[in-house]
Amino acid sequence: MASSSRARSSKQPGPSLIHVPNLFSVVEPGVYRSASPTPAQVPFLASLNLKTIISLTPEFPTKQLLAFTRAAGIDFLHLGTTLWRPLMDWKPIQDEIVKATLELLLDKRVHPLLIIDPLGIHQTGIIVGCLRVLQGWNFASTLVELFDPDLINLPLPDNIPSWFRSLDESDEEDTDYEVEEADPVDKKAQKGAKPGKEKVIEPSNTAEEVVGGRDPGKGERGVG
């Protein structure tokens, strides 16, 4: 009896390993990216408490992923199918998909959110790069050649996540800082000025007068 119980206990499966999707990473709080999850990697998604999954390419998801999203009440937005059209230029992803995805990324009502493509590199990398353009990260002037951030319609301020700050807000803060730095100098200049008196600066000779042989203070020069 003891030997049979030991045999049964030795056959009991241990705790299952957690398989994380390839290239999974946190873009910002509530925003994740990865390659399309395989059936073995789908259970990991339960730990993210996702509201939305966005697929950026036409490839169909696995049955396990679709079953998981239905059971968990997750919105699966297959933009790679609904907005896909044949590529007519050098861009690896259509502007319509980039625009729609960024507008979802900036709406915290659909967070937590996961963006996926088959490899987790190309389309997701472009989306994250365009997001960094909107955030004003370095090399924005290079990335903006790929996508124009002015095309994005931002949600209402109450629906924008706290980690997002547009370039306009950054410019306003920089302007306020410069004005505050300039105020002390202006006050000192005002204290040193004497009211009622202005310093008159005599105009210097113009280039035309000098070249033409005329000096306003000495009259015309004679030609010997």
C-alpha atoms as a PDB file:
ATOM      1  CA  MET A   1       0.000   0.000   0.000  1.00  0.00           C
ATOM      2  CA  ALA A   2       2.768   2.388   0.959  1.00  0.00           C
ATOM      3  CA  SER A   3       4.645   1.715  -2.261  1.00  0.00           C
ATOM      4  CA  SER A   4       1.521   2.317  -4.386  1.00  0.00           C
ATOM      5  CA  SER A   5       0.788   5.624  -2.615  1.00  0.00           C
ATOM      6  CA  ARG A   6       4.370   6.733  -3.195  1.00  0.00           C
ATOM      7  CA  ALA A   7       4.036   5.810  -6.863  1.00  0.00           C
ATOM      8  CA  ARG A   8       0.836   7.877  -7.203  1.00  0.00           C
ATOM      9  CA  SER A   9       2.386  10.875  -5.438  1.00  0.00           C
ATOM     10  CA  SER A  10       5.431  10.764  -7.702  1.00  0.00           C
ATOM     11  CA  LYS A  11       3.170  10.985 -10.752  1.00  0.00           C
ATOM     12  CA  GLN A  12       1.280  14.073  -9.542  1.00  0.00           C
ATOM     13  CA  PRO A  13       2.081  17.065 -11.778  1.00  0.00           C
ATOM     14  CA  GLY A  14       3.999  19.926 -10.266  1.00  0.00           C
ATOM     15  CA  PRO A  15       3.061  23.585 -10.580  1.00  0.00           C
ATOM     16  CA  SER A  16       2.788  24.638 -14.204  1.00  0.00           C
ATOM     17  CA  LEU A  17       5.327  27.081 -15.572  1.00  0.00           C
ATOM     18  CA  ILE A  18       4.229  30.540 -16.653  1.00  0.00           C
ATOM     19  CA  HIS A  19       4.996  31.187 -20.297  1.00  0.00           C
ATOM     20  CA  VAL A  20       5.390  34.890 -21.036  1.00  0.00           C
ATOM     21  CA  PRO A  21       4.710  36.064 -24.625  1.00  0.00           C
ATOM     22  CA  ASN A  22       7.807  36.829 -26.655  1.00  0.00           C
ATOM     23  CA  LEU A  23       9.141  40.389 -26.319  1.00  0.00           C
ATOM     24  CA  PHE A  24       6.565  41.248 -23.683  1.00  0.00           C
ATOM     25  CA  SER A  25       7.250  44.588 -22.028  1.00  0.00           C
ATOM     26  CA  VAL A  26       5.533  47.479 -20.270  1.00  0.00           C
ATOM     27  CA  VAL A  27       5.291  50.555 -22.489  1.00  0.00           C
ATOM     28  CA  GLU A  28       3.642  52.737 -19.851  1.00  0.00           C
ATOM     29  CA  PRO A  29       1.426  51.943 -16.857  1.00  0.00           C
ATOM     30  CA  GLY A  30      -1.600  50.174 -18.293  1.00  0.00           C
ATOM     31  CA  VAL A  31      -0.074  49.725 -21.767  1.00  0.00           C
ATOM     32  CA  TYR A  32       1.768  46.529 -22.800  1.00  0.00           C
ATOM     33  CA  ARG A  33       3.292  45.137 -25.987  1.00  0.00           C
ATOM     34  CA  SER A  34       4.328  41.655 -27.102  1.00  0.00           C
ATOM     35  CA  ALA A  35       4.339  39.148 -29.918  1.00  0.00           C
ATOM     36  CA  SER A  36       1.074  37.345 -30.570  1.00  0.00           C
ATOM     37  CA  PRO A  37       0.637  34.886 -27.673  1.00  0.00           C
ATOM     38  CA  THR A  38       0.895  31.193 -28.409  1.00  0.00           C
ATOM     39  CA  PRO A  39      -1.621  28.808 -26.798  1.00  0.00           C
ATOM     40  CA  ALA A  40       0.857  28.067 -23.996  1.00  0.00           C
ATOM     41  CA  GLN A  41       1.335  31.787 -23.343  1.00  0.00           C
ATOM     42  CA  VAL A  42      -2.337  32.767 -23.189  1.00  0.00           C
ATOM     43  CA  PRO A  43      -2.770  31.967 -19.443  1.00  0.00           C
ATOM     44  CA  PHE A  44      -0.168  34.632 -18.600  1.00  0.00           C
ATOM     45  CA  LEU A  45      -2.514  37.320 -19.906  1.00  0.00           C
ATOM     46  CA  ALA A  46      -4.895  36.687 -17.008  1.00  0.00           C
ATOM     47  CA  SER A  47      -2.391  38.345 -14.654  1.00  0.00           C
ATOM     48  CA  LEU A  48      -2.644  41.641 -16.585  1.00  0.00           C
ATOM     49  CA  ASN A  49      -6.402  42.152 -16.041  1.00  0.00           C
ATOM     50  CA  LEU A  50      -6.671  43.403 -19.601  1.00  0.00           C
ATOM     51  CA  LYS A  51      -9.629  45.320 -20.988  1.00  0.00           C
ATOM     52  CA  THR A  52      -8.398  45.486 -24.577  1.00  0.00           C
ATOM     53  CA  ILE A  53      -6.122  43.578 -26.962  1.00  0.00           C
ATOM     54  CA  ILE A  54      -5.226  45.207 -30.283  1.00  0.00           C
ATOM     55  CA  SER A  55      -3.903  43.043 -33.127  1.00  0.00           C
ATOM     56  CA  LEU A  56      -2.061  45.112 -35.732  1.00  0.00           C
ATOM     57  CA  THR A  57      -1.715  42.616 -38.607  1.00  0.00           C
ATOM     58  CA  PRO A  58      -4.142  40.517 -40.706  1.00  0.00           C
ATOM     59  CA  GLU A  59      -3.035  37.177 -39.211  1.00  0.00           C
ATOM     60  CA  PHE A  60      -5.853  35.478 -37.331  1.00  0.00           C
ATOM     61  CA  PRO A  61      -5.361  34.856 -33.596  1.00  0.00           C
ATOM     62  CA  THR A  62      -5.303  31.387 -32.122  1.00  0.00           C
ATOM     63  CA  LYS A  63      -8.516  29.741 -30.937  1.00  0.00           C
ATOM     64  CA  GLN A  64      -7.135  29.727 -27.399  1.00  0.00           C
ATOM     65  CA  LEU A  65      -6.605  33.498 -27.450  1.00  0.00           C
ATOM     66  CA  LEU A  66     -10.096  34.186 -28.781  1.00  0.00           C
ATOM     67  CA  ALA A  67     -11.645  31.836 -26.233  1.00  0.00           C
ATOM     68  CA  PHE A  68      -9.715  33.564 -23.446  1.00  0.00           C
ATOM     69  CA  THR A  69     -10.827  37.044 -24.509  1.00  0.00           C
ATOM     70  CA  ARG A  70     -14.476  35.968 -24.683  1.00  0.00           C
ATOM     71  CA  ALA A  71     -14.358  34.286 -21.292  1.00  0.00           C
ATOM     72  CA  ALA A  72     -12.604  37.245 -19.643  1.00  0.00           C
ATOM     73  CA  GLY A  73     -14.744  39.912 -21.324  1.00  0.00           C
ATOM     74  CA  ILE A  74     -11.738  41.452 -23.110  1.00  0.00           C
ATOM     75  CA  ASP A  75     -12.318  43.518 -26.245  1.00  0.00           C
ATOM     76  CA  PHE A  76     -10.265  42.023 -29.078  1.00  0.00           C
ATOM     77  CA  LEU A  77      -9.784  44.700 -31.723  1.00  0.00           C
ATOM     78  CA  HIS A  78      -8.364  43.194 -34.894  1.00  0.00           C
ATOM     79  CA  LEU A  79      -7.349  46.459 -36.574  1.00  0.00           C
ATOM     80  CA  GLY A  80      -5.023  44.552 -38.863  1.00  0.00           C
ATOM     81  CA  THR A  81      -8.134  43.111 -40.534  1.00  0.00           C
ATOM     82  CA  THR A  82     -10.701  45.901 -40.239  1.00  0.00           C
ATOM     83  CA  LEU A  83      -8.363  48.679 -41.419  1.00  0.00           C
ATOM     84  CA  TRP A  84      -5.941  46.657 -43.542  1.00  0.00           C
ATOM     85  CA  ARG A  85      -5.464  47.396 -47.240  1.00  0.00           C
ATOM     86  CA  PRO A  86      -2.695  46.460 -49.717  1.00  0.00           C
ATOM     87  CA  LEU A  87       0.481  48.428 -49.107  1.00  0.00           C
ATOM     88  CA  MET A  88       1.080  51.029 -51.802  1.00  0.00           C
ATOM     89  CA  ASP A  89       4.178  52.704 -50.368  1.00  0.00           C
ATOM     90  CA  TRP A  90       7.223  51.971 -48.214  1.00  0.00           C
ATOM     91  CA  LYS A  91       5.397  52.161 -44.885  1.00  0.00           C
ATOM     92  CA  PRO A  92       5.073  48.764 -43.131  1.00  0.00           C
ATOM     93  CA  ILE A  93       1.782  49.794 -41.480  1.00  0.00           C
ATOM     94  CA  GLN A  94      -1.054  52.008 -42.666  1.00  0.00           C
ATOM     95  CA  ASP A  95      -1.554  55.461 -41.184  1.00  0.00           C
ATOM     96  CA  GLU A  96      -5.168  54.533 -40.400  1.00  0.00           C
ATOM     97  CA  ILE A  97      -4.032  51.699 -38.125  1.00  0.00           C
ATOM     98  CA  VAL A  98      -1.437  53.893 -36.421  1.00  0.00           C
ATOM     99  CA  LYS A  99      -3.976  56.667 -35.864  1.00  0.00           C
ATOM    100  CA  ALA A 100      -6.661  54.360 -34.457  1.00  0.00           C
ATOM    101  CA  THR A 101      -4.203  52.530 -32.189  1.00  0.00           C
ATOM    102  CA  LEU A 102      -2.664  55.693 -30.749  1.00  0.00           C
ATOM    103  CA  GLU A 103      -6.071  57.146 -29.990  1.00  0.00           C
ATOM    104  CA  LEU A 104      -6.876  53.972 -28.049  1.00  0.00           C
ATOM    105  CA  LEU A 105      -3.525  54.029 -26.234  1.00  0.00           C
ATOM    106  CA  LEU A 106      -4.265  57.555 -25.031  1.00  0.00           C
ATOM    107  CA  ASP A 107      -7.721  56.688 -23.702  1.00  0.00           C
ATOM    108  CA  LYS A 108      -7.411  55.248 -20.216  1.00  0.00           C
ATOM    109  CA  ARG A 109     -10.987  53.958 -20.352  1.00  0.00           C
ATOM    110  CA  VAL A 110      -9.727  50.997 -22.416  1.00  0.00           C
ATOM    111  CA  HIS A 111      -6.702  50.297 -20.187  1.00  0.00           C
ATOM    112  CA  PRO A 112      -5.060  47.926 -19.355  1.00  0.00           C
ATOM    113  CA  LEU A 113      -4.295  47.340 -23.006  1.00  0.00           C
ATOM    114  CA  LEU A 114      -2.012  45.002 -24.975  1.00  0.00           C
ATOM    115  CA  ILE A 115      -0.820  45.585 -28.547  1.00  0.00           C
ATOM    116  CA  ILE A 116       0.428  42.576 -30.509  1.00  0.00           C
ATOM    117  CA  ASP A 117       1.792  41.534 -33.887  1.00  0.00           C
ATOM    118  CA  PRO A 118       3.220  38.151 -34.977  1.00  0.00           C
ATOM    119  CA  LEU A 119       6.817  38.953 -33.985  1.00  0.00           C
ATOM    120  CA  GLY A 120       6.277  41.796 -31.524  1.00  0.00           C
ATOM    121  CA  ILE A 121       8.840  43.916 -33.358  1.00  0.00           C
ATOM    122  CA  HIS A 122       7.739  45.707 -36.500  1.00  0.00           C
ATOM    123  CA  GLN A 123       4.178  46.996 -36.158  1.00  0.00           C
ATOM    124  CA  THR A 124       4.261  47.271 -32.367  1.00  0.00           C
ATOM    125  CA  GLY A 125       7.624  49.021 -32.580  1.00  0.00           C
ATOM    126  CA  ILE A 126       6.201  51.599 -34.972  1.00  0.00           C
ATOM    127  CA  ILE A 127       3.224  52.239 -32.707  1.00  0.00           C
ATOM    128  CA  VAL A 128       5.428  52.729 -29.653  1.00  0.00           C
ATOM    129  CA  GLY A 129       7.807  54.933 -31.646  1.00  0.00           C
ATOM    130  CA  CYS A 130       4.909  57.150 -32.722  1.00  0.00           C
ATOM    131  CA  LEU A 131       3.724  57.310 -29.122  1.00  0.00           C
ATOM    132  CA  ARG A 132       7.170  58.538 -28.092  1.00  0.00           C
ATOM    133  CA  VAL A 133       6.890  61.243 -30.755  1.00  0.00           C
ATOM    134  CA  LEU A 134       3.686  62.422 -29.116  1.00  0.00           C
ATOM    135  CA  GLN A 135       5.446  62.375 -25.745  1.00  0.00           C
ATOM    136  CA  GLY A 136       8.313  64.501 -27.056  1.00  0.00           C
ATOM    137  CA  TRP A 137      11.081  61.949 -26.646  1.00  0.00           C
ATOM    138  CA  ASN A 138      14.495  62.364 -28.266  1.00  0.00           C
ATOM    139  CA  PHE A 139      14.842  61.760 -32.032  1.00  0.00           C
ATOM    140  CA  ALA A 140      11.247  62.904 -32.465  1.00  0.00           C
ATOM    141  CA  SER A 141      12.246  64.864 -35.552  1.00  0.00           C
ATOM    142  CA  THR A 142      13.334  61.588 -37.178  1.00  0.00           C
ATOM    143  CA  LEU A 143      10.304  59.572 -36.157  1.00  0.00           C
ATOM    144  CA  VAL A 144       7.863  62.287 -37.164  1.00  0.00           C
ATOM    145  CA  GLU A 145       8.826  61.575 -40.785  1.00  0.00           C
ATOM    146  CA  LEU A 146       7.050  58.259 -40.346  1.00  0.00           C
ATOM    147  CA  PHE A 147       3.857  59.653 -38.832  1.00  0.00           C
ATOM    148  CA  ASP A 148       2.327  63.100 -38.256  1.00  0.00           C
ATOM    149  CA  PRO A 149       1.215  63.393 -34.586  1.00  0.00           C
ATOM    150  CA  ASP A 150      -1.183  66.211 -35.487  1.00  0.00           C
ATOM    151  CA  LEU A 151      -3.493  63.568 -36.979  1.00  0.00           C
ATOM    152  CA  ILE A 152      -4.294  62.192 -33.520  1.00  0.00           C
ATOM    153  CA  ASN A 153      -7.560  63.315 -31.925  1.00  0.00           C
ATOM    154  CA  LEU A 154      -6.881  63.310 -28.183  1.00  0.00           C
ATOM    155  CA  PRO A 155      -9.646  62.253 -25.780  1.00  0.00           C
ATOM    156  CA  LEU A 156     -11.122  64.706 -23.301  1.00  0.00           C
ATOM    157  CA  PRO A 157      -8.575  65.752 -20.613  1.00  0.00           C
ATOM    158  CA  ASP A 158     -10.312  63.626 -17.958  1.00  0.00           C
ATOM    159  CA  ASN A 159      -9.835  60.521 -20.107  1.00  0.00           C
ATOM    160  CA  ILE A 160      -6.123  61.028 -20.861  1.00  0.00           C
ATOM    161  CA  PRO A 161      -3.746  58.907 -18.700  1.00  0.00           C
ATOM    162  CA  SER A 162      -1.580  60.769 -16.214  1.00  0.00           C
ATOM    163  CA  TRP A 163       1.708  59.689 -17.829  1.00  0.00           C
ATOM    164  CA  PHE A 164       0.921  61.400 -21.138  1.00  0.00           C
ATOM    165  CA  ARG A 165       2.017  64.986 -21.739  1.00  0.00           C
ATOM    166  CA  SER A 166       1.697  66.599 -25.144  1.00  0.00           C
ATOM    167  CA  LEU A 167       4.322  68.774 -26.765  1.00  0.00           C
ATOM    168  CA  ASP A 168       2.110  71.850 -26.330  1.00  0.00           C
ATOM    169  CA  GLU A 169       2.113  71.395 -22.555  1.00  0.00           C
ATOM    170  CA  SER A 170       5.892  70.981 -22.558  1.00  0.00           C
ATOM    171  CA  ASP A 171       6.314  74.190 -24.577  1.00  0.00           C
ATOM    172  CA  GLU A 172       4.089  76.109 -22.152  1.00  0.00           C
ATOM    173  CA  GLU A 173       6.140  74.965 -19.172  1.00  0.00           C
ATOM    174  CA  ASP A 174       9.382  75.967 -20.911  1.00  0.00           C
ATOM    175  CA  THR A 175       7.961  79.416 -21.705  1.00  0.00           C
ATOM    176  CA  ASP A 176       6.860  79.947 -18.113  1.00  0.00           C
ATOM    177  CA  TYR A 177      10.328  79.045 -16.887  1.00  0.00           C
ATOM    178  CA  GLU A 178      12.008  81.511 -19.242  1.00  0.00           C
ATOM    179  CA  VAL A 179       9.690  84.344 -18.177  1.00  0.00           C
ATOM    180  CA  GLU A 180      10.366  83.714 -14.503  1.00  0.00           C
ATOM    181  CA  GLU A 181      14.110  83.798 -15.113  1.00  0.00           C
ATOM    182  CA  ALA A 182      13.874  87.096 -17.000  1.00  0.00           C
ATOM    183  CA  ASP A 183      11.802  88.991 -14.406  1.00  0.00           C
ATOM    184  CA  PRO A 184      14.659  89.755 -11.916  1.00  0.00           C
ATOM    185  CA  VAL A 185      16.774  91.266 -14.700  1.00  0.00           C
ATOM    186  CA  ASP A 186      13.944  93.537 -15.827  1.00  0.00           C
ATOM    187  CA  LYS A 187      13.347  94.782 -12.274  1.00  0.00           C
ATOM    188  CA  LYS A 188      17.011  95.703 -11.833  1.00  0.00           C
ATOM    189  CA  ALA A 189      16.972  97.594 -15.115  1.00  0.00           C
ATOM    190  CA  GLN A 190      13.903  99.529 -13.994  1.00  0.00           C
ATOM    191  CA  LYS A 191      15.506 100.503 -10.661  1.00  0.00           C
ATOM    192  CA  GLY A 192      18.657 101.806 -12.353  1.00  0.00           C
ATOM    193  CA  ALA A 193      16.841 103.967 -14.889  1.00  0.00           C
ATOM    194  CA  LYS A 194      16.328 107.699 -14.135  1.00  0.00           C
ATOM    195  CA  PRO A 195      12.847 109.002 -14.944  1.00  0.00           C
ATOM    196  CA  GLY A 196      12.501 111.847 -17.403  1.00  0.00           C
ATOM    197  CA  LYS A 197      15.904 111.433 -19.046  1.00  0.00           C
ATOM    198  CA  GLU A 198      16.724 109.487 -22.138  1.00  0.00           C
ATOM    199  CA  LYS A 199      20.123 108.759 -23.524  1.00  0.00           C
ATOM    200  CA  VAL A 200      20.341 109.744 -27.165  1.00  0.00           C
ATOM    201  CA  ILE A 201      22.689 107.727 -29.343  1.00  0.00           C
ATOM    202  CA  GLU A 202      24.040 109.571 -32.354  1.00  0.00           C
ATOM    203  CA  PRO A 203      23.696 107.582 -35.594  1.00  0.00           C
ATOM    204  CA  SER A 204      26.937 106.366 -37.105  1.00  0.00           C
ATOM    205  CA  ASN A 205      27.945 106.869 -40.683  1.00  0.00           C
ATOM    206  CA  THR A 206      26.174 104.562 -43.055  1.00  0.00           C
ATOM    207  CA  ALA A 207      28.076 102.317 -45.418  1.00  0.00           C
ATOM    208  CA  GLU A 208      26.747 104.205 -48.433  1.00  0.00           C
ATOM    209  CA  GLU A 209      28.017 107.573 -47.132  1.00  0.00           C
ATOM    210  CA  VAL A 210      31.478 106.227 -46.376  1.00  0.00           C
ATOM    211  CA  VAL A 211      31.816 104.410 -49.676  1.00  0.00           C
ATOM    212  CA  GLY A 212      30.535 107.452 -51.588  1.00  0.00           C
ATOM    213  CA  GLY A 213      33.135 109.722 -50.001  1.00  0.00           C
ATOM    214  CA  ARG A 214      30.649 111.631 -47.827  1.00  0.00           C
ATOM    215  CA  ASP A 215      30.976 112.249 -44.114  1.00  0.00           C
ATOM    216  CA  PRO A 216      27.887 113.797 -42.476  1.00  0.00           C
ATOM    217  CA  GLY A 217      30.039 115.818 -40.059  1.00  0.00           C
ATOM    218  CA  LYS A 218      32.544 117.179 -42.577  1.00  0.00           C
ATOM    219  CA  GLY A 219      30.580 117.813 -45.743  1.00  0.00           C
ATOM    220  CA  GLU A 220      31.680 116.721 -49.202  1.00  0.00           C
ATOM    221  CA  ARG A 221      35.244 115.730 -49.901  1.00  0.00           C
ATOM    222  CA  GLY A 222      36.981 117.507 -52.708  1.00  0.00           C
ATOM    223  CA  VAL A 223      38.577 115.647 -55.521  1.00  0.00           C
ATOM    224  CA  GLY A 224      42.130 116.765 -56.040  1.00  0.00           C
END
